[in-house]
């Protein structure tokens, strides 16, 4: 990176996902504070009415972008006037908008099926009137436990493992009452891992750090007891164990799967892919037992959390990358590309 100190505006808050955006922003600001000799941070908060505050003082987009070289927008805002203003003032976004804005789980599953990936079986429930009949069908087809998910990747409701008809009904009803659609999904037994995919990083077109193992209720007894009590499945902070002892063929298969998914959805930013690794032992002729694996794609997250100890944060740290360094590297890449062109 050049020796001139750069200025980056961290924009957080907004109308939707306010608390999530604030926490993501706080983690980035803390991480960047380690590099004060290289970068100056402008902490910008947008309230629910769109008012701008810089370090708690009323401000506006023009004042902020007049001082900034780069910006990260952590709000859910898309195609706002201030994005166009930043472009006119040549203030560069660290993370571009993905071509596809977080596809909902139904559409992503349809696309994955079309390109030959295995996904969990599910039934879509659109309204309260169809809940009872849909739940009865899911209960008969998938048996227990049954997973209840929102169709969209919202963080108000975590994916939930349910063990009774009433429990599944109540959870789905809670989501439907908020005007959201629900997936009733089969529970897949297996080893759950979350895999990060980062474009144009560390000399690779798609850099894939060591996958992190997601807590599964069949894992460690203490973890299992906790997970059953909370009934969380996915969107849970990983349990600090990495998939580092996997067989080489499995590592290659995971990488191939994630790369294909990333290229299919044309993402431009970092993403997370959640996988279930289903292992089968098969008898070999000479070497006793060998392992055979089936991979199911559970979820795709195109705007993963970067809270302290979130899965993405943990995965990056496991590869020796903190969020602050990650952002500095992205800034370097942007400046290199500008010099080339």
Protein backbone atom coordinates (compact mmCIF):
# COMPACT_ATOMS: atom_id res chain seq x y z
CA UNK A 1 0.00 0.00 0.00
CA UNK A 2 1.27 3.56 -0.69
CA UNK A 3 2.61 5.58 2.22
CA UNK A 4 -0.10 8.27 2.01
CA UNK A 5 -2.63 7.71 4.77
CA UNK A 6 -6.00 6.77 3.28
CA UNK A 7 -9.43 7.65 4.65
CA UNK A 8 -12.28 5.14 4.70
CA UNK A 9 -15.91 5.82 5.63
CA UNK A 10 -17.71 3.00 7.42
CA UNK A 11 -21.44 3.52 6.83
CA UNK A 12 -23.72 1.57 9.15
CA UNK A 13 -27.26 1.62 10.53
CA UNK A 14 -30.10 2.29 8.10
CA UNK A 15 -33.76 1.26 8.00
CA UNK A 16 -33.31 -2.53 7.88
CA UNK A 17 -31.13 -4.84 9.98
CA UNK A 18 -30.04 -1.84 12.06
CA UNK A 19 -28.48 -3.74 14.97
CA UNK A 20 -26.71 -6.22 12.67
CA UNK A 21 -25.29 -3.37 10.60
CA UNK A 22 -24.13 -1.52 13.71
CA UNK A 23 -22.35 -4.58 15.07
CA UNK A 24 -20.67 -5.35 11.75
CA UNK A 25 -19.48 -1.76 11.55
CA UNK A 26 -18.17 -1.78 15.11
CA UNK A 27 -16.12 -4.91 14.43
CA UNK A 28 -14.59 -3.36 11.30
CA UNK A 29 -13.77 -0.10 13.08
CA UNK A 30 -12.09 -1.97 15.95
CA UNK A 31 -10.11 -4.11 13.50
CA UNK A 32 -8.98 -1.09 11.47
CA UNK A 33 -7.87 0.74 14.63
CA UNK A 34 -4.78 -1.51 14.61
CA UNK A 35 -3.67 0.17 11.38
CA UNK A 36 -3.98 3.85 12.32
CA UNK A 37 -0.64 4.64 10.69
CA UNK A 38 -2.08 3.54 7.33
CA UNK A 39 -5.72 4.50 7.48
CA UNK A 40 -8.15 6.99 9.03
CA UNK A 41 -11.68 5.81 9.73
CA UNK A 42 -14.82 7.95 9.49
CA UNK A 43 -17.61 6.35 11.51
CA UNK A 44 -20.92 7.21 9.82
CA UNK A 45 -24.32 6.18 11.18
CA UNK A 46 -27.56 6.46 9.21
CA UNK A 47 -30.69 6.56 11.33
CA UNK A 48 -33.98 4.98 10.29
CA UNK A 49 -35.06 8.19 8.55
CA UNK A 50 -31.89 8.42 6.50
CA UNK A 51 -30.20 11.18 8.50
CA UNK A 52 -26.38 11.07 8.51
CA UNK A 53 -24.26 11.34 11.65
CA UNK A 54 -20.47 11.47 11.70
CA UNK A 55 -19.03 10.54 15.09
CA UNK A 56 -22.42 11.46 16.56
CA UNK A 57 -22.60 14.88 14.89
CA UNK A 58 -25.19 15.60 12.14
CA UNK A 59 -23.60 15.39 8.70
CA UNK A 60 -24.47 14.50 5.11
CA UNK A 61 -23.19 12.33 2.29
CA UNK A 62 -21.33 15.16 0.54
CA UNK A 63 -19.36 16.08 3.66
CA UNK A 64 -18.39 12.46 4.24
CA UNK A 65 -17.41 11.63 0.66
CA UNK A 66 -15.48 14.88 0.26
CA UNK A 67 -13.01 13.51 2.83
CA UNK A 68 -13.03 9.78 2.00
CA UNK A 69 -10.93 7.74 -0.43
CA UNK A 70 -12.91 4.52 0.13
CA UNK A 71 -16.15 3.47 1.78
CA UNK A 72 -17.88 0.36 3.07
CA UNK A 73 -21.67 0.50 3.14
CA UNK A 74 -22.98 -1.96 5.74
CA UNK A 75 -26.61 -0.85 5.46
CA UNK A 76 -29.15 -2.75 3.41
CA UNK A 77 -29.58 0.26 1.11
CA UNK A 78 -29.38 -0.39 -2.64
CA UNK A 79 -28.96 2.13 -5.47
CA UNK A 80 -29.27 5.19 -3.23
CA UNK A 81 -28.40 8.72 -4.38
CA UNK A 82 -25.34 8.69 -2.14
CA UNK A 83 -23.94 5.70 -4.02
CA UNK A 84 -24.08 7.72 -7.25
CA UNK A 85 -22.54 10.70 -5.41
CA UNK A 86 -19.64 8.55 -4.21
CA UNK A 87 -19.02 7.42 -7.79
CA UNK A 88 -19.01 11.02 -9.07
CA UNK A 89 -16.53 12.01 -6.37
CA UNK A 90 -14.41 8.91 -7.16
CA UNK A 91 -14.80 7.46 -3.69
CA UNK A 92 -14.37 3.73 -4.19
CA UNK A 93 -16.47 1.02 -2.52
CA UNK A 94 -14.41 -1.75 -0.89
CA UNK A 95 -17.22 -4.25 -1.49
CA UNK A 96 -19.27 -4.05 -4.68
CA UNK A 97 -22.91 -5.02 -4.79
CA UNK A 98 -23.36 -8.67 -5.70
CA UNK A 99 -25.02 -9.20 -9.08
CA UNK A 100 -27.66 -11.25 -7.32
CA UNK A 101 -28.78 -9.84 -4.00
CA UNK A 102 -28.87 -12.77 -1.58
CA UNK A 103 -31.19 -15.19 -3.42
CA UNK A 104 -33.87 -16.59 -1.16
CA UNK A 105 -33.58 -20.23 -0.18
CA UNK A 106 -36.22 -21.45 -2.64
CA UNK A 107 -34.60 -19.82 -5.67
CA UNK A 108 -31.09 -20.81 -4.64
CA UNK A 109 -32.21 -24.43 -4.21
CA UNK A 110 -33.84 -24.44 -7.63
CA UNK A 111 -30.67 -23.11 -9.24
CA UNK A 112 -28.50 -25.59 -7.34
CA UNK A 113 -30.72 -28.47 -8.46
CA UNK A 114 -30.45 -27.31 -12.05
CA UNK A 115 -26.66 -27.44 -11.96
CA UNK A 116 -26.62 -30.87 -10.32
CA UNK A 117 -26.05 -30.17 -6.61
CA UNK A 118 -27.89 -32.04 -3.88
CA UNK A 119 -29.99 -29.92 -1.48
CA UNK A 120 -32.30 -30.84 1.41
CA UNK A 121 -35.89 -31.71 0.53
CA UNK A 122 -38.43 -29.10 1.61
CA UNK A 123 -42.01 -27.90 1.48
CA UNK A 124 -42.76 -24.20 0.98
CA UNK A 125 -45.47 -22.63 3.15
CA UNK A 126 -46.71 -19.24 1.96
CA UNK A 127 -49.48 -18.43 4.43
CA UNK A 128 -51.14 -19.48 7.67
CA UNK A 129 -54.05 -21.13 5.84
CA UNK A 130 -51.79 -23.76 4.27
CA UNK A 131 -49.60 -24.33 7.35
CA UNK A 132 -51.42 -27.28 8.94
CA UNK A 133 -51.75 -29.27 5.70
CA UNK A 134 -48.18 -28.48 4.67
CA UNK A 135 -46.81 -29.42 8.07
CA UNK A 136 -48.68 -32.72 8.03
CA UNK A 137 -47.20 -33.51 4.62
CA UNK A 138 -43.68 -32.57 5.78
CA UNK A 139 -44.08 -34.54 9.01
CA UNK A 140 -45.08 -37.66 7.06
CA UNK A 141 -42.41 -37.28 4.37
CA UNK A 142 -39.39 -36.15 6.37
CA UNK A 143 -40.09 -37.56 9.85
CA UNK A 144 -38.49 -36.00 12.92
CA UNK A 145 -36.59 -33.84 13.55
CA UNK A 146 -37.92 -31.22 11.14
CA UNK A 147 -36.10 -27.99 10.31
CA UNK A 148 -38.07 -24.73 10.13
CA UNK A 149 -36.49 -21.87 8.14
CA UNK A 150 -37.44 -18.54 6.67
CA UNK A 151 -37.21 -18.44 2.89
CA UNK A 152 -35.12 -15.27 3.10
CA UNK A 153 -31.81 -15.07 4.89
CA UNK A 154 -33.08 -12.94 7.72
CA UNK A 155 -31.53 -12.98 11.15
CA UNK A 156 -34.72 -12.44 13.16
CA UNK A 157 -35.33 -16.19 13.19
CA UNK A 158 -32.55 -18.72 13.17
CA UNK A 159 -33.07 -22.04 11.45
CA UNK A 160 -34.64 -24.26 14.08
CA UNK A 161 -34.63 -28.02 14.66
CA UNK A 162 -38.05 -29.09 15.93
CA UNK A 163 -38.91 -32.39 17.58
CA UNK A 164 -42.69 -32.20 17.86
CA UNK A 165 -45.57 -31.26 15.59
CA UNK A 166 -46.69 -28.48 17.93
CA UNK A 167 -43.19 -27.03 18.20
CA UNK A 168 -42.81 -26.91 14.41
CA UNK A 169 -46.30 -25.43 14.03
CA UNK A 170 -45.64 -22.66 16.56
CA UNK A 171 -42.28 -21.72 15.05
CA UNK A 172 -43.63 -21.61 11.50
CA UNK A 173 -46.70 -19.66 12.64
CA UNK A 174 -44.48 -17.08 14.32
CA UNK A 175 -42.62 -16.45 11.05
CA UNK A 176 -45.76 -16.45 8.87
CA UNK A 177 -47.45 -13.90 11.14
CA UNK A 178 -44.66 -11.48 10.26
CA UNK A 179 -45.54 -11.84 6.58
CA UNK A 180 -42.59 -14.10 5.76
CA UNK A 181 -42.64 -17.45 3.97
CA UNK A 182 -41.40 -20.67 5.59
CA UNK A 183 -39.50 -23.76 4.51
CA UNK A 184 -40.25 -27.03 6.27
CA UNK A 185 -37.10 -28.97 5.55
CA UNK A 186 -35.73 -32.43 6.15
CA UNK A 187 -32.98 -32.66 8.74
CA UNK A 188 -29.77 -33.93 7.15
CA UNK A 189 -27.52 -36.04 9.34
CA UNK A 190 -23.89 -35.30 8.75
CA UNK A 191 -20.94 -33.09 9.50
CA UNK A 192 -21.82 -29.46 8.93
CA UNK A 193 -19.18 -27.07 7.60
CA UNK A 194 -19.22 -23.44 6.54
CA UNK A 195 -16.89 -22.49 3.68
CA UNK A 196 -15.84 -18.95 2.79
CA UNK A 197 -15.19 -17.90 -0.80
CA UNK A 198 -13.30 -14.66 -1.42
CA UNK A 199 -12.69 -13.33 -4.95
CA UNK A 200 -9.28 -12.14 -6.16
CA UNK A 201 -7.44 -12.71 -2.93
CA UNK A 202 -4.01 -14.09 -2.01
CA UNK A 203 -3.21 -14.61 -5.66
CA UNK A 204 -6.26 -16.78 -6.37
CA UNK A 205 -9.37 -16.04 -8.43
CA UNK A 206 -11.46 -17.54 -5.63
CA UNK A 207 -9.62 -17.93 -2.35
CA UNK A 208 -11.11 -20.58 -0.03
CA UNK A 209 -9.73 -20.60 3.54
CA UNK A 210 -9.97 -23.64 5.82
CA UNK A 211 -13.67 -24.47 6.32
CA UNK A 212 -15.11 -24.06 9.82
CA UNK A 213 -17.21 -26.77 11.38
CA UNK A 214 -20.68 -25.62 12.40
CA UNK A 215 -22.14 -26.91 15.63
CA UNK A 216 -24.33 -29.91 14.95
CA UNK A 217 -26.50 -31.61 17.55
CA UNK A 218 -24.67 -34.91 16.97
CA UNK A 219 -21.26 -33.47 17.87
CA UNK A 220 -19.59 -32.95 21.22
CA UNK A 221 -21.90 -33.82 24.14
CA UNK A 222 -21.72 -30.39 25.82
CA UNK A 223 -22.17 -28.64 22.48
CA UNK A 224 -24.96 -31.07 21.55
CA UNK A 225 -26.83 -30.40 24.80
CA UNK A 226 -26.52 -26.66 24.21
CA UNK A 227 -27.67 -26.90 20.62
CA UNK A 228 -30.68 -29.05 21.46
CA UNK A 229 -31.64 -26.64 24.22
CA UNK A 230 -31.41 -23.64 21.89
CA UNK A 231 -32.63 -25.62 18.87
CA UNK A 232 -30.39 -23.66 16.51
CA UNK A 233 -29.03 -25.36 13.43
CA UNK A 234 -27.50 -22.98 10.95
CA UNK A 235 -26.59 -19.29 11.48
CA UNK A 236 -24.97 -20.28 14.76
CA UNK A 237 -21.45 -19.22 15.68
CA UNK A 238 -19.02 -22.02 14.89
CA UNK A 239 -17.56 -24.06 17.68
CA UNK A 240 -13.89 -23.23 17.11
CA UNK A 241 -13.08 -26.51 15.37
CA UNK A 242 -11.84 -26.49 11.80
CA UNK A 243 -12.08 -29.09 9.11
CA UNK A 244 -8.32 -29.60 9.04
CA UNK A 245 -8.11 -33.39 9.25
CA UNK A 246 -10.37 -34.14 6.30
CA UNK A 247 -9.15 -36.52 3.65
CA UNK A 248 -7.58 -34.83 0.65
CA UNK A 249 -10.27 -36.01 -1.77
CA UNK A 250 -12.96 -34.47 0.45
CA UNK A 251 -11.09 -31.16 0.65
CA UNK A 252 -10.89 -31.10 -3.16
CA UNK A 253 -14.58 -31.92 -3.48
CA UNK A 254 -15.55 -29.16 -1.05
CA UNK A 255 -13.42 -26.65 -2.94
CA UNK A 256 -14.83 -27.71 -6.31
CA UNK A 257 -18.41 -27.46 -4.98
CA UNK A 258 -17.94 -23.98 -3.52
CA UNK A 259 -16.12 -22.65 -6.60
CA UNK A 260 -18.89 -23.85 -8.90
CA UNK A 261 -21.57 -22.30 -6.69
CA UNK A 262 -19.69 -19.01 -6.52
CA UNK A 263 -19.26 -18.82 -10.27
CA UNK A 264 -22.88 -19.81 -10.90
CA UNK A 265 -24.28 -16.97 -8.80
CA UNK A 266 -21.77 -14.39 -10.14
CA UNK A 267 -20.92 -13.04 -6.70
CA UNK A 268 -18.36 -10.23 -6.48
CA UNK A 269 -17.90 -10.16 -2.70
CA UNK A 270 -17.05 -12.73 -0.09
CA UNK A 271 -19.74 -15.35 0.52
CA UNK A 272 -20.32 -18.30 2.82
CA UNK A 273 -21.60 -21.70 1.71
CA UNK A 274 -22.95 -24.12 4.33
CA UNK A 275 -22.55 -27.80 3.50
CA UNK A 276 -23.55 -31.11 5.08
CA UNK A 277 -20.90 -33.79 4.65
CA UNK A 278 -22.56 -37.20 4.78
CA UNK A 279 -19.99 -39.92 5.28
CA UNK A 280 -20.41 -43.58 4.36
CA UNK A 281 -17.83 -46.26 5.11
CA UNK A 282 -17.44 -48.77 2.33
CA UNK A 283 -15.32 -51.92 2.33
CA UNK A 284 -12.19 -51.86 0.24
CA UNK A 285 -10.57 -54.88 -1.30
CA UNK A 286 -7.11 -54.46 0.26
CA UNK A 287 -7.03 -51.50 2.61
CA UNK A 288 -9.90 -52.38 4.89
CA UNK A 289 -12.26 -49.42 4.93
CA UNK A 290 -12.29 -46.31 2.82
CA UNK A 291 -14.60 -43.31 3.04
CA UNK A 292 -17.24 -42.21 0.59
CA UNK A 293 -18.86 -38.79 0.93
CA UNK A 294 -22.04 -37.14 -0.23
CA UNK A 295 -22.28 -33.34 -0.04
CA UNK A 296 -25.56 -31.47 0.37
CA UNK A 297 -25.70 -27.68 0.03
CA UNK A 298 -27.62 -26.27 3.00
CA UNK A 299 -27.38 -22.51 2.50
CA UNK A 300 -25.62 -19.68 0.69
CA UNK A 301 -24.93 -16.38 2.45
CA UNK A 302 -23.92 -13.48 0.20
CA UNK A 303 -23.80 -10.93 3.02
CA UNK A 304 -22.20 -12.89 5.86
CA UNK A 305 -21.91 -11.34 9.30
CA UNK A 306 -18.53 -9.97 10.26
CA UNK A 307 -19.20 -9.66 13.97
CA UNK A 308 -16.37 -10.53 16.29
CA UNK A 309 -16.43 -14.36 16.46
CA UNK A 310 -18.89 -14.70 13.60
CA UNK A 311 -18.18 -17.56 11.23
CA UNK A 312 -16.53 -15.38 8.59
CA UNK A 313 -14.44 -13.59 11.20
CA UNK A 314 -13.37 -16.93 12.68
CA UNK A 315 -12.58 -18.49 9.30
CA UNK A 316 -10.42 -15.52 8.31
CA UNK A 317 -8.59 -15.54 11.65
CA UNK A 318 -7.95 -19.28 11.28
CA UNK A 319 -6.10 -18.44 8.07
CA UNK A 320 -4.12 -15.64 9.72
CA UNK A 321 -6.28 -12.79 8.42
CA UNK A 322 -8.02 -10.25 10.65
CA UNK A 323 -10.85 -8.14 9.23
CA UNK A 324 -8.72 -4.99 9.24
CA UNK A 325 -5.93 -6.62 7.21
CA UNK A 326 -8.52 -8.13 4.89
CA UNK A 327 -9.90 -4.66 4.12
CA UNK A 328 -6.42 -3.18 3.64
CA UNK A 329 -5.64 -5.98 1.17
CA UNK A 330 -8.86 -5.19 -0.73
CA UNK A 331 -7.87 -1.52 -0.90
CA UNK A 332 -4.46 -2.51 -2.27
CA UNK A 333 -6.14 -4.60 -4.95
CA UNK A 334 -8.42 -1.74 -6.01
CA UNK A 335 -5.47 0.63 -6.33
CA UNK A 336 -3.44 -1.94 -8.30
CA UNK A 337 -6.32 -2.40 -10.76
CA UNK A 338 -6.58 1.39 -11.22
CA UNK A 339 -2.86 1.61 -12.02
CA UNK A 340 -3.21 -1.16 -14.62
CA UNK A 341 -6.17 0.46 -16.36
